[in-house]
């Protein structure tokens, strides 16, 4: 479980464990290459393998300034860097691990509407 929000990430892991699953939490900002590169290290060390990358990180900041001509650049940049760059970065760092292993899956899921 990866999230920029430690409280939310740890709560999600606890829910998974309470339901009988197994999970770890790694804090990372998926829009930053260094964070994404580093997030696969604890996963590989603790679990030993990577089977699935489930990309669903997204932010919806556009509701603050929803009309295109009023949208502030920082809102566009943050949305773009998380929702598009984040998916690409996670895939970029996961693919070599999956190729070395010879199997695995990458699943891209848009964040559900609130």
C-alpha atoms as a PDB file:
ATOM      1  CA  UNK A   1       0.000   0.000   0.000  1.00  0.00           C
ATOM      2  CA  UNK A   2       1.508   3.265  -1.134  1.00  0.00           C
ATOM      3  CA  UNK A   3       0.148   6.665  -0.219  1.00  0.00           C
ATOM      4  CA  UNK A   4       1.455  10.153   0.351  1.00  0.00           C
ATOM      5  CA  UNK A   5      -0.828  10.312   3.424  1.00  0.00           C
ATOM      6  CA  UNK A   6       0.681   8.181   6.205  1.00  0.00           C
ATOM      7  CA  UNK A   7      -2.467   8.101   8.353  1.00  0.00           C
ATOM      8  CA  UNK A   8      -4.669   6.956   5.464  1.00  0.00           C
ATOM      9  CA  UNK A   9      -2.068   4.448   4.249  1.00  0.00           C
ATOM     10  CA  UNK A  10      -1.609   2.823   7.642  1.00  0.00           C
ATOM     11  CA  UNK A  11      -5.388   2.707   8.185  1.00  0.00           C
ATOM     12  CA  UNK A  12      -5.826   0.928   4.847  1.00  0.00           C
ATOM     13  CA  UNK A  13      -3.167  -1.636   5.760  1.00  0.00           C
ATOM     14  CA  UNK A  14      -4.895  -2.275   9.089  1.00  0.00           C
ATOM     15  CA  UNK A  15      -8.209  -2.830   7.303  1.00  0.00           C
ATOM     16  CA  UNK A  16      -6.570  -5.304   4.904  1.00  0.00           C
ATOM     17  CA  UNK A  17      -5.000  -7.190   7.804  1.00  0.00           C
ATOM     18  CA  UNK A  18      -8.220  -7.188   9.821  1.00  0.00           C
ATOM     19  CA  UNK A  19      -9.957  -8.819   6.838  1.00  0.00           C
ATOM     20  CA  UNK A  20      -7.309 -11.554   6.729  1.00  0.00           C
ATOM     21  CA  UNK A  21      -5.036 -10.088   4.059  1.00  0.00           C
ATOM     22  CA  UNK A  22      -1.370  -9.223   4.198  1.00  0.00           C
ATOM     23  CA  UNK A  23      -0.051  -5.745   3.428  1.00  0.00           C
ATOM     24  CA  UNK A  24       2.699  -3.269   4.185  1.00  0.00           C
ATOM     25  CA  UNK A  25       2.651   0.513   3.929  1.00  0.00           C
ATOM     26  CA  UNK A  26       5.262   2.607   2.147  1.00  0.00           C
ATOM     27  CA  UNK A  27       4.923   6.385   2.127  1.00  0.00           C
ATOM     28  CA  UNK A  28       5.665   7.800  -1.313  1.00  0.00           C
ATOM     29  CA  UNK A  29       4.655  10.580  -3.658  1.00  0.00           C
ATOM     30  CA  UNK A  30       4.092   8.784  -6.977  1.00  0.00           C
ATOM     31  CA  UNK A  31       4.802  11.976  -8.892  1.00  0.00           C
ATOM     32  CA  UNK A  32       8.444  11.897  -7.715  1.00  0.00           C
ATOM     33  CA  UNK A  33      10.857   9.515  -9.417  1.00  0.00           C
ATOM     34  CA  UNK A  34      13.037   9.101  -6.309  1.00  0.00           C
ATOM     35  CA  UNK A  35      10.031   8.133  -4.165  1.00  0.00           C
ATOM     36  CA  UNK A  36       8.764   5.604  -6.725  1.00  0.00           C
ATOM     37  CA  UNK A  37      12.205   4.069  -7.216  1.00  0.00           C
ATOM     38  CA  UNK A  38      12.591   3.706  -3.441  1.00  0.00           C
ATOM     39  CA  UNK A  39       9.147   2.224  -2.825  1.00  0.00           C
ATOM     40  CA  UNK A  40       9.960  -1.069  -4.552  1.00  0.00           C
ATOM     41  CA  UNK A  41      12.912  -1.759  -2.212  1.00  0.00           C
ATOM     42  CA  UNK A  42      10.894  -2.524   0.953  1.00  0.00           C
ATOM     43  CA  UNK A  43       8.388  -4.538  -1.059  1.00  0.00           C
ATOM     44  CA  UNK A  44      11.086  -6.692  -2.610  1.00  0.00           C
ATOM     45  CA  UNK A  45      12.944  -7.069   0.698  1.00  0.00           C
ATOM     46  CA  UNK A  46       9.896  -8.007   2.757  1.00  0.00           C
ATOM     47  CA  UNK A  47       7.874  -9.968   0.215  1.00  0.00           C
ATOM     48  CA  UNK A  48      10.698 -11.204  -1.991  1.00  0.00           C
ATOM     49  CA  UNK A  49       8.703 -10.756  -5.201  1.00  0.00           C
ATOM     50  CA  UNK A  50       6.486  -8.380  -7.083  1.00  0.00           C
ATOM     51  CA  UNK A  51       3.419 -10.020  -8.623  1.00  0.00           C
ATOM     52  CA  UNK A  52       1.072  -7.147  -9.365  1.00  0.00           C
ATOM     53  CA  UNK A  53       1.274  -3.400  -9.758  1.00  0.00           C
ATOM     54  CA  UNK A  54      -2.173  -1.899  -9.171  1.00  0.00           C
ATOM     55  CA  UNK A  55      -2.047   1.745 -10.274  1.00  0.00           C
ATOM     56  CA  UNK A  56      -4.924   3.774  -8.919  1.00  0.00           C
ATOM     57  CA  UNK A  57      -3.312   6.840  -7.374  1.00  0.00           C
ATOM     58  CA  UNK A  58      -5.097  10.000  -8.397  1.00  0.00           C
ATOM     59  CA  UNK A  59      -5.998  13.444  -7.193  1.00  0.00           C
ATOM     60  CA  UNK A  60      -9.057  15.458  -8.114  1.00  0.00           C
ATOM     61  CA  UNK A  61      -8.191  19.058  -7.502  1.00  0.00           C
ATOM     62  CA  UNK A  62      -9.985  20.442 -10.542  1.00  0.00           C
ATOM     63  CA  UNK A  63     -13.211  20.889  -8.589  1.00  0.00           C
ATOM     64  CA  UNK A  64     -11.620  23.918  -6.984  1.00  0.00           C
ATOM     65  CA  UNK A  65     -11.309  25.699 -10.365  1.00  0.00           C
ATOM     66  CA  UNK A  66     -13.248  23.553 -12.808  1.00  0.00           C
ATOM     67  CA  UNK A  67     -13.460  25.879 -15.831  1.00  0.00           C
ATOM     68  CA  UNK A  68     -10.389  25.561 -18.072  1.00  0.00           C
ATOM     69  CA  UNK A  69      -9.756  29.275 -18.417  1.00  0.00           C
ATOM     70  CA  UNK A  70      -9.882  29.693 -14.625  1.00  0.00           C
ATOM     71  CA  UNK A  71      -7.804  26.660 -13.696  1.00  0.00           C
ATOM     72  CA  UNK A  72      -4.655  27.610 -11.839  1.00  0.00           C
ATOM     73  CA  UNK A  73      -1.446  26.132 -13.230  1.00  0.00           C
ATOM     74  CA  UNK A  74      -0.447  24.555  -9.913  1.00  0.00           C
ATOM     75  CA  UNK A  75      -3.748  22.606  -9.872  1.00  0.00           C
ATOM     76  CA  UNK A  76      -3.116  21.364 -13.430  1.00  0.00           C
ATOM     77  CA  UNK A  77       0.514  20.499 -12.634  1.00  0.00           C
ATOM     78  CA  UNK A  78      -0.324  18.526  -9.471  1.00  0.00           C
ATOM     79  CA  UNK A  79      -3.187  16.654 -11.149  1.00  0.00           C
ATOM     80  CA  UNK A  80      -1.088  15.830 -14.202  1.00  0.00           C
ATOM     81  CA  UNK A  81       1.979  14.790 -12.208  1.00  0.00           C
ATOM     82  CA  UNK A  82       0.016  12.410  -9.973  1.00  0.00           C
ATOM     83  CA  UNK A  83      -2.598  11.052 -12.347  1.00  0.00           C
ATOM     84  CA  UNK A  84      -0.432  10.573 -15.440  1.00  0.00           C
ATOM     85  CA  UNK A  85       3.232  10.786 -14.454  1.00  0.00           C
ATOM     86  CA  UNK A  86       2.595   8.670 -11.332  1.00  0.00           C
ATOM     87  CA  UNK A  87       1.140   5.806 -13.377  1.00  0.00           C
ATOM     88  CA  UNK A  88       4.067   5.971 -15.792  1.00  0.00           C
ATOM     89  CA  UNK A  89       6.707   6.131 -13.028  1.00  0.00           C
ATOM     90  CA  UNK A  90       5.251   3.183 -11.121  1.00  0.00           C
ATOM     91  CA  UNK A  91       5.133   1.154 -14.325  1.00  0.00           C
ATOM     92  CA  UNK A  92       8.664   2.236 -15.276  1.00  0.00           C
ATOM     93  CA  UNK A  93      10.129   0.894 -12.035  1.00  0.00           C
ATOM     94  CA  UNK A  94       7.919  -2.201 -11.818  1.00  0.00           C
ATOM     95  CA  UNK A  95       8.446  -3.472 -15.371  1.00  0.00           C
ATOM     96  CA  UNK A  96      12.136  -4.451 -14.957  1.00  0.00           C
ATOM     97  CA  UNK A  97      11.260  -6.436 -11.806  1.00  0.00           C
ATOM     98  CA  UNK A  98       8.400  -8.209 -13.568  1.00  0.00           C
ATOM     99  CA  UNK A  99      10.520  -8.917 -16.659  1.00  0.00           C
ATOM    100  CA  UNK A 100      13.324 -10.357 -14.543  1.00  0.00           C
ATOM    101  CA  UNK A 101      10.809 -12.598 -12.791  1.00  0.00           C
ATOM    102  CA  UNK A 102       9.205 -13.589 -16.086  1.00  0.00           C
ATOM    103  CA  UNK A 103       5.637 -12.911 -14.985  1.00  0.00           C
ATOM    104  CA  UNK A 104       3.309 -10.471 -13.313  1.00  0.00           C
ATOM    105  CA  UNK A 105       0.557  -7.997 -14.067  1.00  0.00           C
ATOM    106  CA  UNK A 106       0.115  -4.256 -14.222  1.00  0.00           C
ATOM    107  CA  UNK A 107      -3.414  -2.986 -13.703  1.00  0.00           C
ATOM    108  CA  UNK A 108      -4.328   0.656 -14.318  1.00  0.00           C
ATOM    109  CA  UNK A 109      -7.576   1.711 -12.680  1.00  0.00           C
ATOM    110  CA  UNK A 110      -8.892   5.254 -12.676  1.00  0.00           C
ATOM    111  CA  UNK A 111      -9.831   6.433  -9.239  1.00  0.00           C
ATOM    112  CA  UNK A 112     -13.546   5.972  -8.562  1.00  0.00           C
ATOM    113  CA  UNK A 113     -15.734   9.042  -8.446  1.00  0.00           C
ATOM    114  CA  UNK A 114     -16.459  10.284  -4.935  1.00  0.00           C
END
